[in-house]
Amino acid sequence: MATITDAQLRITHDHEKRTARPVVTCKVNFTGMEYCLMKGCPEQNMFKLRCQLWGADSGLTGADDYLYTYGTVYFFPDPTPAGTESRTFDVTVGEGVLDEDWGTDEVYGKLILYNLFTLTSIKKKTNTVSHRF
């Protein structure tokens, strides 16, 4: 199955406008067989990549807090398939979207790659960004 590497989250915060811009980047690495299939059937969607934002600390429950799902979805193969594809998820949201607790917030991205043939998925977390929103 394909892998996700170099998953990174960067967040810029505009205090005056009360907005935040979380940007998640990653690389999707396909196996030789997957790449061969994508080149041979470029019109067939084989993989789907989505990204979510989560809060790493949720108090006593131990479960992370879901914050946001990016509207952008990437399908593979794209018009120019490659063995490794770089992707970026970029949005501007109100700072309240990332304000998941009463103090410093710990936010990470979760990338999910779905194999549309086998109906399996893999997940990869980014680094965690600590900031007060």
C-alpha atoms as a PDB file:
ATOM      1  CA  MET A   1       0.000   0.000   0.000  1.00  0.00           C
ATOM      2  CA  ALA A   2       1.067   3.564  -0.603  1.00  0.00           C
ATOM      3  CA  THR A   3       2.655   5.523   2.232  1.00  0.00           C
ATOM      4  CA  ILE A   4       2.460   9.118   3.452  1.00  0.00           C
ATOM      5  CA  THR A   5       5.737  10.829   4.374  1.00  0.00           C
ATOM      6  CA  ASP A   6       6.992  14.320   5.244  1.00  0.00           C
ATOM      7  CA  ALA A   7       3.666  15.279   6.857  1.00  0.00           C
ATOM      8  CA  GLN A   8       4.003  18.816   8.226  1.00  0.00           C
ATOM      9  CA  LEU A   9       1.641  21.386   9.742  1.00  0.00           C
ATOM     10  CA  ARG A  10       2.376  25.132   9.798  1.00  0.00           C
ATOM     11  CA  ILE A  11      -0.050  27.637  11.295  1.00  0.00           C
ATOM     12  CA  THR A  12       0.047  31.399  10.931  1.00  0.00           C
ATOM     13  CA  HIS A  13      -2.235  33.460  13.162  1.00  0.00           C
ATOM     14  CA  ASP A  14      -3.542  36.936  12.375  1.00  0.00           C
ATOM     15  CA  HIS A  15      -4.493  38.341  15.783  1.00  0.00           C
ATOM     16  CA  GLU A  16      -6.091  41.489  14.325  1.00  0.00           C
ATOM     17  CA  LYS A  17      -8.372  39.635  11.911  1.00  0.00           C
ATOM     18  CA  ARG A  18      -8.842  36.764  14.385  1.00  0.00           C
ATOM     19  CA  THR A  19      -8.020  34.189  11.707  1.00  0.00           C
ATOM     20  CA  ALA A  20      -5.607  31.295  11.418  1.00  0.00           C
ATOM     21  CA  ARG A  21      -4.108  29.686   8.338  1.00  0.00           C
ATOM     22  CA  PRO A  22      -3.226  26.017   8.924  1.00  0.00           C
ATOM     23  CA  VAL A  23      -1.226  24.555   6.030  1.00  0.00           C
ATOM     24  CA  VAL A  24      -0.584  20.812   5.850  1.00  0.00           C
ATOM     25  CA  THR A  25       1.915  19.392   3.364  1.00  0.00           C
ATOM     26  CA  CYS A  26       2.859  15.796   2.631  1.00  0.00           C
ATOM     27  CA  LYS A  27       4.184  13.350   0.083  1.00  0.00           C
ATOM     28  CA  VAL A  28       2.258  10.293  -1.074  1.00  0.00           C
ATOM     29  CA  ASN A  29       4.551   7.452  -2.167  1.00  0.00           C
ATOM     30  CA  PHE A  30       3.033   4.737  -4.349  1.00  0.00           C
ATOM     31  CA  THR A  31       4.402   1.237  -4.768  1.00  0.00           C
ATOM     32  CA  GLY A  32       5.733   0.225  -8.172  1.00  0.00           C
ATOM     33  CA  MET A  33       2.588  -1.809  -8.849  1.00  0.00           C
ATOM     34  CA  GLU A  34       0.272   1.059  -7.862  1.00  0.00           C
ATOM     35  CA  TYR A  35       2.207   3.476 -10.056  1.00  0.00           C
ATOM     36  CA  CYS A  36       2.039   1.035 -12.987  1.00  0.00           C
ATOM     37  CA  LEU A  37      -1.742   0.661 -12.543  1.00  0.00           C
ATOM     38  CA  MET A  38      -2.227   4.433 -12.363  1.00  0.00           C
ATOM     39  CA  LYS A  39      -0.225   4.976 -15.557  1.00  0.00           C
ATOM     40  CA  GLY A  40      -2.192   2.242 -17.307  1.00  0.00           C
ATOM     41  CA  CYS A  41      -5.632   3.479 -16.202  1.00  0.00           C
ATOM     42  CA  PRO A  42      -5.312   7.265 -15.851  1.00  0.00           C
ATOM     43  CA  GLU A  43      -9.080   7.832 -15.966  1.00  0.00           C
ATOM     44  CA  GLN A  44      -9.807   5.561 -12.975  1.00  0.00           C
ATOM     45  CA  ASN A  45      -9.759   7.068  -9.474  1.00  0.00           C
ATOM     46  CA  MET A  46      -7.698   4.653  -7.366  1.00  0.00           C
ATOM     47  CA  PHE A  47      -6.810   6.684  -4.266  1.00  0.00           C
ATOM     48  CA  LYS A  48      -8.347   9.600  -2.351  1.00  0.00           C
ATOM     49  CA  LEU A  49      -6.443  11.856   0.079  1.00  0.00           C
ATOM     50  CA  ARG A  50      -8.215  13.903   2.766  1.00  0.00           C
ATOM     51  CA  CYS A  51      -6.956  15.965   5.679  1.00  0.00           C
ATOM     52  CA  GLN A  52      -8.380  16.862   9.080  1.00  0.00           C
ATOM     53  CA  LEU A  53      -7.237  18.982  12.011  1.00  0.00           C
ATOM     54  CA  TRP A  54      -7.354  17.594  15.545  1.00  0.00           C
ATOM     55  CA  GLY A  55      -6.657  18.911  19.029  1.00  0.00           C
ATOM     56  CA  ALA A  56      -4.086  16.743  20.813  1.00  0.00           C
ATOM     57  CA  ASP A  57      -5.241  17.391  24.366  1.00  0.00           C
ATOM     58  CA  SER A  58      -8.817  16.884  25.375  1.00  0.00           C
ATOM     59  CA  GLY A  59      -8.673  16.742  29.158  1.00  0.00           C
ATOM     60  CA  LEU A  60      -9.848  13.744  31.121  1.00  0.00           C
ATOM     61  CA  THR A  61     -11.488  11.774  28.308  1.00  0.00           C
ATOM     62  CA  GLY A  62      -8.197  10.856  26.639  1.00  0.00           C
ATOM     63  CA  ALA A  63      -9.713  11.228  23.165  1.00  0.00           C
ATOM     64  CA  ASP A  64      -8.426  13.886  20.796  1.00  0.00           C
ATOM     65  CA  ASP A  65     -10.821  16.645  19.728  1.00  0.00           C
ATOM     66  CA  TYR A  66     -11.930  16.797  16.090  1.00  0.00           C
ATOM     67  CA  LEU A  67     -11.574  20.391  14.839  1.00  0.00           C
ATOM     68  CA  TYR A  68     -11.912  20.660  11.056  1.00  0.00           C
ATOM     69  CA  THR A  69     -11.908  18.799   7.710  1.00  0.00           C
ATOM     70  CA  TYR A  70     -10.371  20.520   4.689  1.00  0.00           C
ATOM     71  CA  GLY A  71     -12.756  20.891   1.749  1.00  0.00           C
ATOM     72  CA  THR A  72      -9.988  19.958  -0.678  1.00  0.00           C
ATOM     73  CA  VAL A  73      -9.827  16.278  -1.663  1.00  0.00           C
ATOM     74  CA  TYR A  74      -7.112  14.865  -3.929  1.00  0.00           C
ATOM     75  CA  PHE A  75      -7.687  11.882  -6.200  1.00  0.00           C
ATOM     76  CA  PHE A  76      -4.986   9.746  -7.764  1.00  0.00           C
ATOM     77  CA  PRO A  77      -3.956   9.290 -10.437  1.00  0.00           C
ATOM     78  CA  ASP A  78      -3.910  12.916 -11.444  1.00  0.00           C
ATOM     79  CA  PRO A  79      -3.272  14.002 -15.073  1.00  0.00           C
ATOM     80  CA  THR A  80       0.484  13.417 -14.629  1.00  0.00           C
ATOM     81  CA  PRO A  81       0.935  10.376 -12.359  1.00  0.00           C
ATOM     82  CA  ALA A  82       4.217   9.977 -10.519  1.00  0.00           C
ATOM     83  CA  GLY A  83       5.630   7.498  -8.023  1.00  0.00           C
ATOM     84  CA  THR A  84       5.685  10.249  -5.384  1.00  0.00           C
ATOM     85  CA  GLU A  85       3.129  13.072  -5.285  1.00  0.00           C
ATOM     86  CA  SER A  86       3.391  16.220  -3.137  1.00  0.00           C
ATOM     87  CA  ARG A  87       0.173  17.731  -1.832  1.00  0.00           C
ATOM     88  CA  THR A  88      -0.818  20.823   0.179  1.00  0.00           C
ATOM     89  CA  PHE A  89      -3.971  21.532   2.182  1.00  0.00           C
ATOM     90  CA  ASP A  90      -4.395  25.265   2.830  1.00  0.00           C
ATOM     91  CA  VAL A  91      -7.308  27.182   4.345  1.00  0.00           C
ATOM     92  CA  THR A  92      -8.011  30.302   6.384  1.00  0.00           C
ATOM     93  CA  VAL A  93     -10.397  29.766   9.302  1.00  0.00           C
ATOM     94  CA  GLY A  94     -11.625  31.790  12.228  1.00  0.00           C
ATOM     95  CA  GLU A  95      -9.263  31.393  15.168  1.00  0.00           C
ATOM     96  CA  GLY A  96     -12.085  29.831  17.195  1.00  0.00           C
ATOM     97  CA  VAL A  97     -11.933  26.717  15.003  1.00  0.00           C
ATOM     98  CA  LEU A  98      -8.512  25.897  16.439  1.00  0.00           C
ATOM     99  CA  ASP A  99      -9.268  27.078  19.994  1.00  0.00           C
ATOM    100  CA  GLU A 100      -9.911  23.656  21.491  1.00  0.00           C
ATOM    101  CA  ASP A 101      -9.274  24.321  25.157  1.00  0.00           C
ATOM    102  CA  TRP A 102      -8.823  27.102  27.707  1.00  0.00           C
ATOM    103  CA  GLY A 103      -5.081  27.523  27.443  1.00  0.00           C
ATOM    104  CA  THR A 104      -2.443  26.714  24.893  1.00  0.00           C
ATOM    105  CA  ASP A 105      -3.862  24.633  22.057  1.00  0.00           C
ATOM    106  CA  GLU A 106      -2.046  21.641  20.582  1.00  0.00           C
ATOM    107  CA  VAL A 107      -3.155  21.084  16.986  1.00  0.00           C
ATOM    108  CA  TYR A 108      -2.056  18.419  14.513  1.00  0.00           C
ATOM    109  CA  GLY A 109      -3.117  17.360  11.047  1.00  0.00           C
ATOM    110  CA  LYS A 110      -4.320  13.870  10.217  1.00  0.00           C
ATOM    111  CA  LEU A 111      -3.897  12.741   6.612  1.00  0.00           C
ATOM    112  CA  ILE A 112      -6.042   9.842   5.419  1.00  0.00           C
ATOM    113  CA  LEU A 113      -5.318   7.998   2.171  1.00  0.00           C
ATOM    114  CA  TYR A 114      -8.121   5.731   0.966  1.00  0.00           C
ATOM    115  CA  ASN A 115      -7.495   2.888  -1.493  1.00  0.00           C
ATOM    116  CA  LEU A 116     -10.718   2.953  -3.517  1.00  0.00           C
ATOM    117  CA  PHE A 117     -10.274  -0.638  -4.741  1.00  0.00           C
ATOM    118  CA  THR A 118      -9.450  -2.460  -1.526  1.00  0.00           C
ATOM    119  CA  LEU A 119     -11.488  -0.073   0.662  1.00  0.00           C
ATOM    120  CA  THR A 120      -8.600   0.199   3.094  1.00  0.00           C
ATOM    121  CA  SER A 121      -6.977   3.377   4.379  1.00  0.00           C
ATOM    122  CA  ILE A 122      -3.792   4.562   6.008  1.00  0.00           C
ATOM    123  CA  LYS A 123      -3.425   7.513   8.360  1.00  0.00           C
ATOM    124  CA  LYS A 124      -0.486   9.759   9.144  1.00  0.00           C
ATOM    125  CA  LYS A 125      -0.249  12.509  11.757  1.00  0.00           C
ATOM    126  CA  THR A 126       1.734  15.686  11.270  1.00  0.00           C
ATOM    127  CA  ASN A 127       3.793  17.443  13.876  1.00  0.00           C
ATOM    128  CA  THR A 128       1.838  19.125  16.678  1.00  0.00           C
ATOM    129  CA  VAL A 129       1.730  22.925  16.791  1.00  0.00           C
ATOM    130  CA  SER A 130       1.285  24.545  20.223  1.00  0.00           C
ATOM    131  CA  HIS A 131      -0.251  28.004  20.161  1.00  0.00           C
ATOM    132  CA  ARG A 132      -2.861  30.050  21.989  1.00  0.00           C
ATOM    133  CA  PHE A 133      -5.762  30.963  19.695  1.00  0.00           C
END
